[in-house]
Amino acid sequence: MKGFFRSEAGAAVWWLLVSLLLAAGIAPLLHHGGKAFAATAAARELPELLEWLGASCGRADFSRYFNRALTLTALLLLPILYRRICWIRKMNQVALVPPKALPWKSKLAQIVAGFIITAVISWALCELITISGAYVSKASPPDLGKVASRVFLPVVVVAFLEEWLFRGILLGLWFRISKPLTACVGTSLFFAFAHFLSLPKGVALSDPRSAWAGFELLGKIGLHLMNPVFLVTDFLTLFGIGMVLAWARFRTGALWVSIGLHAGWIAVFKTFNQIHRRVDDHWLFPLGLGETLRSGLLPLLSILLVALLCRWFFATLESRRTGA
């Protein structure tokens, strides 16, 4: 264990733990400041951008503030993580071997291919659950332009940012000190855990204004992660998505296919949610489908189909490289 925390992966674990603890301490301050700003924006005339920001701060719950605090602390601590890793590499005399550069057309083609794979299978899943009656069309869905504006930014920002962080930095570090399977499993567990850093449905904090509210939130999340139904319907599917994305990074040696796969999932699920609503008392819930479109046994089956298509795609890429 002592040797692990002196490794690059150990440095990444320390970075995560310290980021979580700092976020737990900072989140109440952000929450208080955000709500105060929301009250000011509601009482005074401000520029449109600030009024939008104030309304967003007013709607956000404590979990959202905690996630923003975690993003802030993780980014602020990244330079320390980088320096620690550089020191470890220097002590171990490990040289960084840059990946082979790809022409921009190849990068774009890999992104598009990954996007098509997940988009087609995910939309087929959405059509299936619509036919089953688990989701129905909204009576007054937003227009196409509004749907596109709400989907475009998360598709671009989240897909690139999360792939750079999880499969670029963390998985790249883990590859250097362990076998590929161990690295993929480890980062996928972390990826799944990071997506559930919010209060479970029906659970509330005793006092969001308390200085200890962030630590209370972490404790309640930890208890929720021990729920066996949650582990099967939610955590397992996010772990499966993480494994597919990590496998894509390993097989291609780059992030482009992973970015496309990730973007395809986000685009379909967010678009579908804009124009459909859930039927809560349907027989598919909670095992067939969980709280979201990415949780439950049916989404898990669709992830397996994505993995099969990816296997064929990776074999095609490798045959082209070798000229077979």
C-alpha atoms as a PDB file:
ATOM      1  CA  MET A   1       0.000   0.000   0.000  1.00  0.00           C
ATOM      2  CA  LYS A   2       2.861   2.379   0.833  1.00  0.00           C
ATOM      3  CA  GLY A   3       4.355   1.725  -2.594  1.00  0.00           C
ATOM      4  CA  PHE A   4       1.023   2.364  -4.277  1.00  0.00           C
ATOM      5  CA  PHE A   5       0.719   5.873  -2.872  1.00  0.00           C
ATOM      6  CA  ARG A   6       4.208   6.607  -4.175  1.00  0.00           C
ATOM      7  CA  SER A   7       3.100   5.601  -7.682  1.00  0.00           C
ATOM      8  CA  GLU A   8       1.434   7.701 -10.368  1.00  0.00           C
ATOM      9  CA  ALA A   9      -1.934   6.027  -9.775  1.00  0.00           C
ATOM     10  CA  GLY A  10      -1.502   6.640  -6.042  1.00  0.00           C
ATOM     11  CA  ALA A  11      -0.868  10.311  -6.741  1.00  0.00           C
ATOM     12  CA  ALA A  12      -4.136  10.389  -8.719  1.00  0.00           C
ATOM     13  CA  VAL A  13      -5.994   8.783  -5.779  1.00  0.00           C
ATOM     14  CA  TRP A  14      -4.557  11.366  -3.378  1.00  0.00           C
ATOM     15  CA  TRP A  15      -5.610  14.092  -5.811  1.00  0.00           C
ATOM     16  CA  LEU A  16      -9.194  12.748  -5.812  1.00  0.00           C
ATOM     17  CA  LEU A  17      -9.418  12.364  -2.019  1.00  0.00           C
ATOM     18  CA  VAL A  18      -8.049  15.838  -1.294  1.00  0.00           C
ATOM     19  CA  SER A  19     -10.309  17.330  -3.988  1.00  0.00           C
ATOM     20  CA  LEU A  20     -13.369  15.687  -2.368  1.00  0.00           C
ATOM     21  CA  LEU A  21     -12.466  16.919   1.117  1.00  0.00           C
ATOM     22  CA  LEU A  22     -11.765  20.459  -0.058  1.00  0.00           C
ATOM     23  CA  ALA A  23     -14.994  20.471  -2.085  1.00  0.00           C
ATOM     24  CA  ALA A  24     -16.944  19.358   0.997  1.00  0.00           C
ATOM     25  CA  GLY A  25     -15.534  22.353   2.875  1.00  0.00           C
ATOM     26  CA  ILE A  26     -16.030  24.879   0.050  1.00  0.00           C
ATOM     27  CA  ALA A  27     -19.517  23.789  -1.099  1.00  0.00           C
ATOM     28  CA  PRO A  28     -21.416  25.469   1.789  1.00  0.00           C
ATOM     29  CA  LEU A  29     -19.644  28.767   1.021  1.00  0.00           C
ATOM     30  CA  LEU A  30     -20.548  28.506  -2.671  1.00  0.00           C
ATOM     31  CA  HIS A  31     -24.122  27.574  -1.762  1.00  0.00           C
ATOM     32  CA  HIS A  32     -24.500  30.575   0.533  1.00  0.00           C
ATOM     33  CA  GLY A  33     -22.935  32.954  -1.982  1.00  0.00           C
ATOM     34  CA  GLY A  34     -24.980  31.567  -4.881  1.00  0.00           C
ATOM     35  CA  LYS A  35     -28.289  31.904  -3.058  1.00  0.00           C
ATOM     36  CA  ALA A  36     -27.415  35.449  -1.965  1.00  0.00           C
ATOM     37  CA  PHE A  37     -26.595  36.376  -5.549  1.00  0.00           C
ATOM     38  CA  ALA A  38     -29.862  34.782  -6.745  1.00  0.00           C
ATOM     39  CA  ALA A  39     -31.825  36.938  -4.282  1.00  0.00           C
ATOM     40  CA  THR A  40     -30.003  40.058  -5.471  1.00  0.00           C
ATOM     41  CA  ALA A  41     -30.623  39.206  -9.128  1.00  0.00           C
ATOM     42  CA  ALA A  42     -34.333  38.686  -8.436  1.00  0.00           C
ATOM     43  CA  ALA A  43     -34.683  42.013  -6.608  1.00  0.00           C
ATOM     44  CA  ARG A  44     -32.682  44.240  -8.966  1.00  0.00           C
ATOM     45  CA  GLU A  45     -32.445  44.877 -12.677  1.00  0.00           C
ATOM     46  CA  LEU A  46     -29.218  43.377 -13.971  1.00  0.00           C
ATOM     47  CA  PRO A  47     -27.791  42.586 -17.426  1.00  0.00           C
ATOM     48  CA  GLU A  48     -29.480  39.599 -19.059  1.00  0.00           C
ATOM     49  CA  LEU A  49     -26.482  37.307 -18.554  1.00  0.00           C
ATOM     50  CA  LEU A  50     -26.322  38.064 -14.815  1.00  0.00           C
ATOM     51  CA  GLU A  51     -30.079  37.575 -14.448  1.00  0.00           C
ATOM     52  CA  TRP A  52     -29.783  34.175 -16.148  1.00  0.00           C
ATOM     53  CA  LEU A  53     -26.888  33.289 -13.842  1.00  0.00           C
ATOM     54  CA  GLY A  54     -28.873  34.407 -10.801  1.00  0.00           C
ATOM     55  CA  ALA A  55     -31.878  32.313 -11.821  1.00  0.00           C
ATOM     56  CA  SER A  56     -29.599  29.313 -12.339  1.00  0.00           C
ATOM     57  CA  CYS A  57     -28.058  29.803  -8.887  1.00  0.00           C
ATOM     58  CA  GLY A  58     -31.533  30.019  -7.368  1.00  0.00           C
ATOM     59  CA  ARG A  59     -32.664  26.744  -8.956  1.00  0.00           C
ATOM     60  CA  ALA A  60     -29.509  24.795  -8.090  1.00  0.00           C
ATOM     61  CA  ASP A  61     -29.618  22.488  -5.082  1.00  0.00           C
ATOM     62  CA  PHE A  62     -26.721  21.820  -2.715  1.00  0.00           C
ATOM     63  CA  SER A  63     -25.528  18.827  -4.757  1.00  0.00           C
ATOM     64  CA  ARG A  64     -25.006  21.079  -7.793  1.00  0.00           C
ATOM     65  CA  TYR A  65     -22.906  23.466  -5.714  1.00  0.00           C
ATOM     66  CA  PHE A  66     -20.885  20.528  -4.403  1.00  0.00           C
ATOM     67  CA  ASN A  67     -20.215  19.311  -7.961  1.00  0.00           C
ATOM     68  CA  ARG A  68     -19.058  22.789  -8.989  1.00  0.00           C
ATOM     69  CA  ALA A  69     -16.840  22.957  -5.902  1.00  0.00           C
ATOM     70  CA  LEU A  70     -15.350  19.574  -6.787  1.00  0.00           C
ATOM     71  CA  THR A  71     -14.653  20.697 -10.359  1.00  0.00           C
ATOM     72  CA  LEU A  72     -12.945  23.830  -9.017  1.00  0.00           C
ATOM     73  CA  THR A  73     -10.782  22.022  -6.447  1.00  0.00           C
ATOM     74  CA  ALA A  74      -9.836  19.255  -8.882  1.00  0.00           C
ATOM     75  CA  LEU A  75      -8.700  21.790 -11.491  1.00  0.00           C
ATOM     76  CA  LEU A  76      -6.790  23.878  -8.933  1.00  0.00           C
ATOM     77  CA  LEU A  77      -4.971  20.773  -7.683  1.00  0.00           C
ATOM     78  CA  LEU A  78      -4.107  19.491 -11.167  1.00  0.00           C
ATOM     79  CA  PRO A  79      -0.765  21.378 -11.298  1.00  0.00           C
ATOM     80  CA  ILE A  80       0.232  19.738  -8.003  1.00  0.00           C
ATOM     81  CA  LEU A  81      -0.750  16.336  -9.405  1.00  0.00           C
ATOM     82  CA  TYR A  82       1.280  17.066 -12.535  1.00  0.00           C
ATOM     83  CA  ARG A  83       4.383  18.048 -10.543  1.00  0.00           C
ATOM     84  CA  ARG A  84       4.030  14.959  -8.350  1.00  0.00           C
ATOM     85  CA  ILE A  85       3.815  12.697 -11.386  1.00  0.00           C
ATOM     86  CA  CYS A  86       6.816  14.380 -13.008  1.00  0.00           C
ATOM     87  CA  TRP A  87       8.795  13.784  -9.815  1.00  0.00           C
ATOM     88  CA  ILE A  88       7.745  10.116  -9.693  1.00  0.00           C
ATOM     89  CA  ARG A  89       8.744   9.635 -13.342  1.00  0.00           C
ATOM     90  CA  LYS A  90      12.096  11.279 -12.708  1.00  0.00           C
ATOM     91  CA  MET A  91      12.761   9.059  -9.679  1.00  0.00           C
ATOM     92  CA  ASN A  92      11.742   5.946 -11.626  1.00  0.00           C
ATOM     93  CA  GLN A  93      13.473   7.101 -14.805  1.00  0.00           C
ATOM     94  CA  VAL A  94      10.248   6.742 -16.801  1.00  0.00           C
ATOM     95  CA  ALA A  95      10.205   8.540 -20.122  1.00  0.00           C
ATOM     96  CA  LEU A  96       6.988   9.806 -21.629  1.00  0.00           C
ATOM     97  CA  VAL A  97       6.369   8.298 -25.055  1.00  0.00           C
ATOM     98  CA  PRO A  98       4.019  10.557 -27.002  1.00  0.00           C
ATOM     99  CA  PRO A  99       1.271   8.839 -29.014  1.00  0.00           C
ATOM    100  CA  LYS A 100       1.517   8.742 -32.782  1.00  0.00           C
ATOM    101  CA  ALA A 101      -0.003  11.802 -34.391  1.00  0.00           C
ATOM    102  CA  LEU A 102      -3.043  11.233 -36.592  1.00  0.00           C
ATOM    103  CA  PRO A 103      -4.111  13.470 -39.484  1.00  0.00           C
ATOM    104  CA  TRP A 104      -7.153  15.574 -38.647  1.00  0.00           C
ATOM    105  CA  LYS A 105      -9.308  13.621 -41.121  1.00  0.00           C
ATOM    106  CA  SER A 106      -8.590  10.393 -39.239  1.00  0.00           C
ATOM    107  CA  LYS A 107      -9.403  12.049 -35.911  1.00  0.00           C
ATOM    108  CA  LEU A 108     -12.690  13.374 -37.259  1.00  0.00           C
ATOM    109  CA  ALA A 109     -13.552  10.015 -38.820  1.00  0.00           C
ATOM    110  CA  GLN A 110     -12.991   8.244 -35.482  1.00  0.00           C
ATOM    111  CA  ILE A 111     -15.154  10.763 -33.608  1.00  0.00           C
ATOM    112  CA  VAL A 112     -17.960  10.402 -36.156  1.00  0.00           C
ATOM    113  CA  ALA A 113     -17.732   6.591 -36.125  1.00  0.00           C
ATOM    114  CA  GLY A 114     -17.944   6.479 -32.324  1.00  0.00           C
ATOM    115  CA  PHE A 115     -20.856   8.926 -32.344  1.00  0.00           C
ATOM    116  CA  ILE A 116     -22.811   6.852 -34.879  1.00  0.00           C
ATOM    117  CA  ILE A 117     -22.270   3.602 -32.943  1.00  0.00           C
ATOM    118  CA  THR A 118     -23.717   4.876 -29.662  1.00  0.00           C
ATOM    119  CA  ALA A 119     -26.326   7.161 -31.259  1.00  0.00           C
ATOM    120  CA  VAL A 120     -27.880   4.381 -33.348  1.00  0.00           C
ATOM    121  CA  ILE A 121     -28.017   1.825 -30.526  1.00  0.00           C
ATOM    122  CA  SER A 122     -29.161   4.377 -27.932  1.00  0.00           C
ATOM    123  CA  TRP A 123     -31.934   5.674 -30.177  1.00  0.00           C
ATOM    124  CA  ALA A 124     -33.064   2.088 -30.804  1.00  0.00           C
ATOM    125  CA  LEU A 125     -33.221   1.664 -27.013  1.00  0.00           C
ATOM    126  CA  CYS A 126     -35.282   4.850 -26.735  1.00  0.00           C
ATOM    127  CA  GLU A 127     -37.684   3.646 -29.421  1.00  0.00           C
ATOM    128  CA  LEU A 128     -38.064   0.321 -27.599  1.00  0.00           C
ATOM    129  CA  ILE A 129     -38.956   1.909 -24.272  1.00  0.00           C
ATOM    130  CA  THR A 130     -41.348   4.294 -26.045  1.00  0.00           C
ATOM    131  CA  ILE A 131     -43.139   1.328 -27.635  1.00  0.00           C
ATOM    132  CA  SER A 132     -43.285  -0.328 -24.203  1.00  0.00           C
ATOM    133  CA  GLY A 133     -45.010   2.760 -22.794  1.00  0.00           C
ATOM    134  CA  ALA A 134     -42.349   3.526 -20.185  1.00  0.00           C
ATOM    135  CA  TYR A 135     -41.891   6.968 -21.779  1.00  0.00           C
ATOM    136  CA  VAL A 136     -44.450   8.989 -23.744  1.00  0.00           C
ATOM    137  CA  SER A 137     -44.191  12.145 -25.839  1.00  0.00           C
ATOM    138  CA  LYS A 138     -44.616  15.431 -23.990  1.00  0.00           C
ATOM    139  CA  ALA A 139     -47.825  17.327 -24.705  1.00  0.00           C
ATOM    140  CA  SER A 140     -45.864  20.541 -25.393  1.00  0.00           C
ATOM    141  CA  PRO A 141     -42.268  19.665 -26.305  1.00  0.00           C
ATOM    142  CA  PRO A 142     -39.782  22.517 -26.932  1.00  0.00           C
ATOM    143  CA  ASP A 143     -39.111  23.515 -30.520  1.00  0.00           C
ATOM    144  CA  LEU A 144     -36.206  22.038 -32.458  1.00  0.00           C
ATOM    145  CA  GLY A 145     -33.976  25.089 -32.014  1.00  0.00           C
ATOM    146  CA  LYS A 146     -34.359  25.053 -28.243  1.00  0.00           C
ATOM    147  CA  VAL A 147     -33.686  21.307 -28.091  1.00  0.00           C
ATOM    148  CA  ALA A 148     -30.520  21.741 -30.168  1.00  0.00           C
ATOM    149  CA  SER A 149     -29.279  24.623 -27.990  1.00  0.00           C
ATOM    150  CA  ARG A 150     -29.779  22.571 -24.810  1.00  0.00           C
ATOM    151  CA  VAL A 151     -28.045  19.519 -26.240  1.00  0.00           C
ATOM    152  CA  PHE A 152     -25.129  20.982 -28.223  1.00  0.00           C
ATOM    153  CA  LEU A 153     -23.083  22.459 -25.357  1.00  0.00           C
ATOM    154  CA  PRO A 154     -23.181  19.337 -23.095  1.00  0.00           C
ATOM    155  CA  VAL A 155     -22.325  17.126 -26.087  1.00  0.00           C
ATOM    156  CA  VAL A 156     -19.224  19.146 -26.930  1.00  0.00           C
ATOM    157  CA  VAL A 157     -18.021  20.230 -23.489  1.00  0.00           C
ATOM    158  CA  VAL A 158     -18.819  17.123 -21.414  1.00  0.00           C
ATOM    159  CA  ALA A 159     -17.595  14.604 -24.003  1.00  0.00           C
ATOM    160  CA  PHE A 160     -14.256  16.360 -24.524  1.00  0.00           C
ATOM    161  CA  LEU A 161     -13.682  17.342 -20.890  1.00  0.00           C
ATOM    162  CA  GLU A 162     -14.572  14.003 -19.302  1.00  0.00           C
ATOM    163  CA  GLU A 163     -12.618  12.003 -21.879  1.00  0.00           C
ATOM    164  CA  TRP A 164      -9.576  14.227 -21.406  1.00  0.00           C
ATOM    165  CA  LEU A 165      -9.802  13.822 -17.619  1.00  0.00           C
ATOM    166  CA  PHE A 166     -10.862  10.176 -17.186  1.00  0.00           C
ATOM    167  CA  ARG A 167      -9.416   8.420 -20.253  1.00  0.00           C
ATOM    168  CA  GLY A 168      -6.688  10.924 -21.064  1.00  0.00           C
ATOM    169  CA  ILE A 169      -5.093  11.776 -17.723  1.00  0.00           C
ATOM    170  CA  LEU A 170      -6.231   9.135 -15.217  1.00  0.00           C
ATOM    171  CA  LEU A 171      -6.280   6.106 -17.511  1.00  0.00           C
ATOM    172  CA  GLY A 172      -3.000   7.193 -19.119  1.00  0.00           C
ATOM    173  CA  LEU A 173      -1.396   7.345 -15.680  1.00  0.00           C
ATOM    174  CA  TRP A 174      -2.827   4.014 -14.598  1.00  0.00           C
ATOM    175  CA  PHE A 175      -1.549   2.276 -17.736  1.00  0.00           C
ATOM    176  CA  ARG A 176       1.999   3.068 -16.596  1.00  0.00           C
ATOM    177  CA  ILE A 177       1.860   1.158 -13.316  1.00  0.00           C
ATOM    178  CA  SER A 178      -0.568  -1.707 -13.958  1.00  0.00           C
ATOM    179  CA  LYS A 179      -1.941  -4.092 -16.557  1.00  0.00           C
ATOM    180  CA  PRO A 180      -4.432  -2.674 -19.072  1.00  0.00           C
ATOM    181  CA  LEU A 181      -7.409  -4.561 -17.580  1.00  0.00           C
ATOM    182  CA  THR A 182      -6.627  -3.319 -14.073  1.00  0.00           C
ATOM    183  CA  ALA A 183      -6.245   0.240 -15.366  1.00  0.00           C
ATOM    184  CA  CYS A 184      -9.546   0.105 -17.260  1.00  0.00           C
ATOM    185  CA  VAL A 185     -11.440  -1.363 -14.298  1.00  0.00           C
ATOM    186  CA  GLY A 186      -9.949   1.137 -11.836  1.00  0.00           C
ATOM    187  CA  THR A 187     -10.710   4.240 -13.869  1.00  0.00           C
ATOM    188  CA  SER A 188     -14.184   2.933 -14.783  1.00  0.00           C
ATOM    189  CA  LEU A 189     -15.049   2.476 -11.108  1.00  0.00           C
ATOM    190  CA  PHE A 190     -13.890   6.033 -10.470  1.00  0.00           C
ATOM    191  CA  PHE A 191     -15.855   7.269 -13.509  1.00  0.00           C
ATOM    192  CA  ALA A 192     -19.048   5.630 -12.215  1.00  0.00           C
ATOM    193  CA  PHE A 193     -18.512   6.940  -8.684  1.00  0.00           C
ATOM    194  CA  ALA A 194     -17.929  10.506  -9.929  1.00  0.00           C
ATOM    195  CA  HIS A 195     -21.360  10.511 -11.638  1.00  0.00           C
ATOM    196  CA  PHE A 196     -23.221   9.872  -8.390  1.00  0.00           C
ATOM    197  CA  LEU A 197     -21.833  12.702  -6.280  1.00  0.00           C
ATOM    198  CA  SER A 198     -25.310  14.038  -5.549  1.00  0.00           C
ATOM    199  CA  LEU A 199     -28.032  13.317  -3.016  1.00  0.00           C
ATOM    200  CA  PRO A 200     -30.201  10.283  -3.834  1.00  0.00           C
ATOM    201  CA  LYS A 201     -33.842  10.940  -4.666  1.00  0.00           C
ATOM    202  CA  GLY A 202     -35.891  11.490  -1.515  1.00  0.00           C
ATOM    203  CA  VAL A 203     -32.838  12.170   0.685  1.00  0.00           C
ATOM    204  CA  ALA A 204     -32.238  15.633   2.135  1.00  0.00           C
ATOM    205  CA  LEU A 205     -29.526  17.346   4.149  1.00  0.00           C
ATOM    206  CA  SER A 206     -30.354  18.337   7.709  1.00  0.00           C
ATOM    207  CA  ASP A 207     -29.163  21.917   7.044  1.00  0.00           C
ATOM    208  CA  PRO A 208     -27.596  22.945   3.693  1.00  0.00           C
ATOM    209  CA  ARG A 209     -26.346  26.141   5.368  1.00  0.00           C
ATOM    210  CA  SER A 210     -24.227  24.202   7.854  1.00  0.00           C
ATOM    211  CA  ALA A 211     -20.440  24.295   7.472  1.00  0.00           C
ATOM    212  CA  TRP A 212     -20.542  20.465   7.636  1.00  0.00           C
ATOM    213  CA  ALA A 213     -23.170  20.038   4.911  1.00  0.00           C
ATOM    214  CA  GLY A 214     -20.601  18.915   2.332  1.00  0.00           C
ATOM    215  CA  PHE A 215     -19.314  16.148   4.581  1.00  0.00           C
ATOM    216  CA  GLU A 216     -22.886  15.084   5.405  1.00  0.00           C
ATOM    217  CA  LEU A 217     -23.559  14.847   1.649  1.00  0.00           C
ATOM    218  CA  LEU A 218     -20.507  12.589   1.161  1.00  0.00           C
ATOM    219  CA  GLY A 219     -21.725  10.324   3.964  1.00  0.00           C
ATOM    220  CA  LYS A 220     -25.227   9.994   2.501  1.00  0.00           C
ATOM    221  CA  ILE A 221     -23.782   9.264  -0.944  1.00  0.00           C
ATOM    222  CA  GLY A 222     -21.591   6.547   0.580  1.00  0.00           C
ATOM    223  CA  LEU A 223     -24.619   4.877   2.184  1.00  0.00           C
ATOM    224  CA  HIS A 224     -26.562   5.071  -1.089  1.00  0.00           C
ATOM    225  CA  LEU A 225     -23.725   3.343  -2.955  1.00  0.00           C
ATOM    226  CA  MET A 226     -24.253   0.301  -0.708  1.00  0.00           C
ATOM    227  CA  ASN A 227     -27.858  -0.167  -1.926  1.00  0.00           C
ATOM    228  CA  PRO A 228     -27.883  -3.414  -4.013  1.00  0.00           C
ATOM    229  CA  VAL A 229     -30.708  -2.243  -6.335  1.00  0.00           C
ATOM    230  CA  PHE A 230     -28.834   0.997  -7.029  1.00  0.00           C
ATOM    231  CA  LEU A 231     -25.639  -0.952  -7.714  1.00  0.00           C
ATOM    232  CA  VAL A 232     -27.384  -3.092 -10.357  1.00  0.00           C
ATOM    233  CA  THR A 233     -29.575  -0.477 -12.022  1.00  0.00           C
ATOM    234  CA  ASP A 234     -27.336   2.602 -11.906  1.00  0.00           C
ATOM    235  CA  PHE A 235     -23.740   2.011 -10.840  1.00  0.00           C
ATOM    236  CA  LEU A 236     -23.227  -1.089 -12.995  1.00  0.00           C
ATOM    237  CA  THR A 237     -24.393   0.635 -16.187  1.00  0.00           C
ATOM    238  CA  LEU A 238     -22.123   3.662 -15.625  1.00  0.00           C
ATOM    239  CA  PHE A 239     -19.279   1.235 -14.921  1.00  0.00           C
ATOM    240  CA  GLY A 240     -20.091  -0.528 -18.209  1.00  0.00           C
ATOM    241  CA  ILE A 241     -20.020   2.767 -20.106  1.00  0.00           C
ATOM    242  CA  GLY A 242     -16.686   3.599 -18.480  1.00  0.00           C
ATOM    243  CA  MET A 243     -15.267   0.211 -19.507  1.00  0.00           C
ATOM    244  CA  VAL A 244     -16.321   0.678 -23.148  1.00  0.00           C
ATOM    245  CA  LEU A 245     -14.743   4.146 -23.246  1.00  0.00           C
ATOM    246  CA  ALA A 246     -11.553   2.937 -21.544  1.00  0.00           C
ATOM    247  CA  TRP A 247     -11.353  -0.037 -23.919  1.00  0.00           C
ATOM    248  CA  ALA A 248     -11.693   2.326 -26.880  1.00  0.00           C
ATOM    249  CA  ARG A 249      -8.818   4.415 -25.525  1.00  0.00           C
ATOM    250  CA  PHE A 250      -6.677   1.301 -25.073  1.00  0.00           C
ATOM    251  CA  ARG A 251      -7.406  -0.256 -28.465  1.00  0.00           C
ATOM    252  CA  THR A 252      -6.952   2.945 -30.509  1.00  0.00           C
ATOM    253  CA  GLY A 253      -4.212   4.593 -28.434  1.00  0.00           C
ATOM    254  CA  ALA A 254      -6.104   7.908 -28.597  1.00  0.00           C
ATOM    255  CA  LEU A 255      -9.230   9.624 -27.301  1.00  0.00           C
ATOM    256  CA  TRP A 256     -11.067  10.281 -30.573  1.00  0.00           C
ATOM    257  CA  VAL A 257     -13.289   7.201 -30.657  1.00  0.00           C
ATOM    258  CA  SER A 258     -14.017   7.599 -26.936  1.00  0.00           C
ATOM    259  CA  ILE A 259     -15.059  11.209 -27.471  1.00  0.00           C
ATOM    260  CA  GLY A 260     -17.410  10.166 -30.281  1.00  0.00           C
ATOM    261  CA  LEU A 261     -18.936   7.331 -28.241  1.00  0.00           C
ATOM    262  CA  HIS A 262     -19.458   9.609 -25.249  1.00  0.00           C
ATOM    263  CA  ALA A 263     -20.960  12.391 -27.384  1.00  0.00           C
ATOM    264  CA  GLY A 264     -23.403   9.949 -29.005  1.00  0.00           C
ATOM    265  CA  TRP A 265     -24.763   8.794 -25.656  1.00  0.00           C
ATOM    266  CA  ILE A 266     -25.201  12.352 -24.383  1.00  0.00           C
ATOM    267  CA  ALA A 267     -26.815  13.620 -27.606  1.00  0.00           C
ATOM    268  CA  VAL A 268     -29.460  10.887 -27.785  1.00  0.00           C
ATOM    269  CA  PHE A 269     -30.381  10.769 -24.108  1.00  0.00           C
ATOM    270  CA  LYS A 270     -30.609  14.553 -23.713  1.00  0.00           C
ATOM    271  CA  THR A 271     -32.614  14.932 -26.940  1.00  0.00           C
ATOM    272  CA  PHE A 272     -35.002  12.150 -25.939  1.00  0.00           C
ATOM    273  CA  ASN A 273     -35.541  13.656 -22.483  1.00  0.00           C
ATOM    274  CA  GLN A 274     -36.401  17.018 -24.038  1.00  0.00           C
ATOM    275  CA  ILE A 275     -39.356  15.595 -25.960  1.00  0.00           C
ATOM    276  CA  HIS A 276     -40.502  12.681 -23.756  1.00  0.00           C
ATOM    277  CA  ARG A 277     -41.612  12.212 -20.169  1.00  0.00           C
ATOM    278  CA  ARG A 278     -41.358   9.217 -17.896  1.00  0.00           C
ATOM    279  CA  VAL A 279     -44.406   7.125 -16.838  1.00  0.00           C
ATOM    280  CA  ASP A 280     -43.498   6.452 -13.218  1.00  0.00           C
ATOM    281  CA  ASP A 281     -45.797   3.495 -12.508  1.00  0.00           C
ATOM    282  CA  HIS A 282     -44.656   1.450 -15.539  1.00  0.00           C
ATOM    283  CA  TRP A 283     -43.679  -2.181 -14.951  1.00  0.00           C
ATOM    284  CA  LEU A 284     -40.160  -1.657 -16.370  1.00  0.00           C
ATOM    285  CA  PHE A 285     -39.164   0.434 -13.330  1.00  0.00           C
ATOM    286  CA  PRO A 286     -36.903   0.124 -11.407  1.00  0.00           C
ATOM    287  CA  LEU A 287     -34.996  -2.923 -12.723  1.00  0.00           C
ATOM    288  CA  GLY A 288     -35.616  -2.720 -16.473  1.00  0.00           C
ATOM    289  CA  LEU A 289     -35.099   1.036 -16.361  1.00  0.00           C
ATOM    290  CA  GLY A 290     -33.687   3.047 -13.486  1.00  0.00           C
ATOM    291  CA  GLU A 291     -33.970   6.713 -12.619  1.00  0.00           C
ATOM    292  CA  THR A 292     -32.486   7.769 -15.980  1.00  0.00           C
ATOM    293  CA  LEU A 293     -32.117   6.415 -19.520  1.00  0.00           C
ATOM    294  CA  ARG A 294     -28.576   5.337 -18.714  1.00  0.00           C
ATOM    295  CA  SER A 295     -29.586   3.084 -15.815  1.00  0.00           C
ATOM    296  CA  GLY A 296     -31.301  -0.302 -15.652  1.00  0.00           C
ATOM    297  CA  LEU A 297     -30.966  -3.717 -17.291  1.00  0.00           C
ATOM    298  CA  LEU A 298     -32.166  -2.547 -20.740  1.00  0.00           C
ATOM    299  CA  PRO A 299     -29.513   0.215 -20.965  1.00  0.00           C
ATOM    300  CA  LEU A 300     -26.949  -2.325 -19.765  1.00  0.00           C
ATOM    301  CA  LEU A 301     -27.927  -4.595 -22.668  1.00  0.00           C
ATOM    302  CA  SER A 302     -27.524  -1.681 -25.089  1.00  0.00           C
ATOM    303  CA  ILE A 303     -24.016  -1.071 -23.680  1.00  0.00           C
ATOM    304  CA  LEU A 304     -23.127  -4.690 -24.477  1.00  0.00           C
ATOM    305  CA  LEU A 305     -24.344  -4.136 -28.060  1.00  0.00           C
ATOM    306  CA  VAL A 306     -22.148  -1.020 -28.281  1.00  0.00           C
ATOM    307  CA  ALA A 307     -19.193  -3.096 -27.091  1.00  0.00           C
ATOM    308  CA  LEU A 308     -19.828  -5.687 -29.818  1.00  0.00           C
ATOM    309  CA  LEU A 309     -19.960  -3.008 -32.512  1.00  0.00           C
ATOM    310  CA  CYS A 310     -16.803  -1.418 -31.116  1.00  0.00           C
ATOM    311  CA  ARG A 311     -15.024  -4.769 -31.284  1.00  0.00           C
ATOM    312  CA  TRP A 312     -15.808  -4.991 -34.989  1.00  0.00           C
ATOM    313  CA  PHE A 313     -14.775  -1.357 -35.544  1.00  0.00           C
ATOM    314  CA  PHE A 314     -11.460  -1.765 -33.731  1.00  0.00           C
ATOM    315  CA  ALA A 315     -10.679  -4.898 -35.748  1.00  0.00           C
ATOM    316  CA  THR A 316     -11.379  -2.912 -38.925  1.00  0.00           C
ATOM    317  CA  LEU A 317      -9.061  -0.094 -37.831  1.00  0.00           C
ATOM    318  CA  GLU A 318      -6.255  -2.508 -36.980  1.00  0.00           C
ATOM    319  CA  SER A 319      -6.579  -4.366 -40.277  1.00  0.00           C
ATOM    320  CA  ARG A 320      -6.256  -1.071 -42.161  1.00  0.00           C
ATOM    321  CA  ARG A 321      -3.154  -0.128 -40.206  1.00  0.00           C
ATOM    322  CA  THR A 322      -1.458  -3.434 -40.947  1.00  0.00           C
ATOM    323  CA  GLY A 323      -2.652  -3.452 -44.566  1.00  0.00           C
ATOM    324  CA  ALA A 324      -4.460  -6.767 -44.120  1.00  0.00           C
END
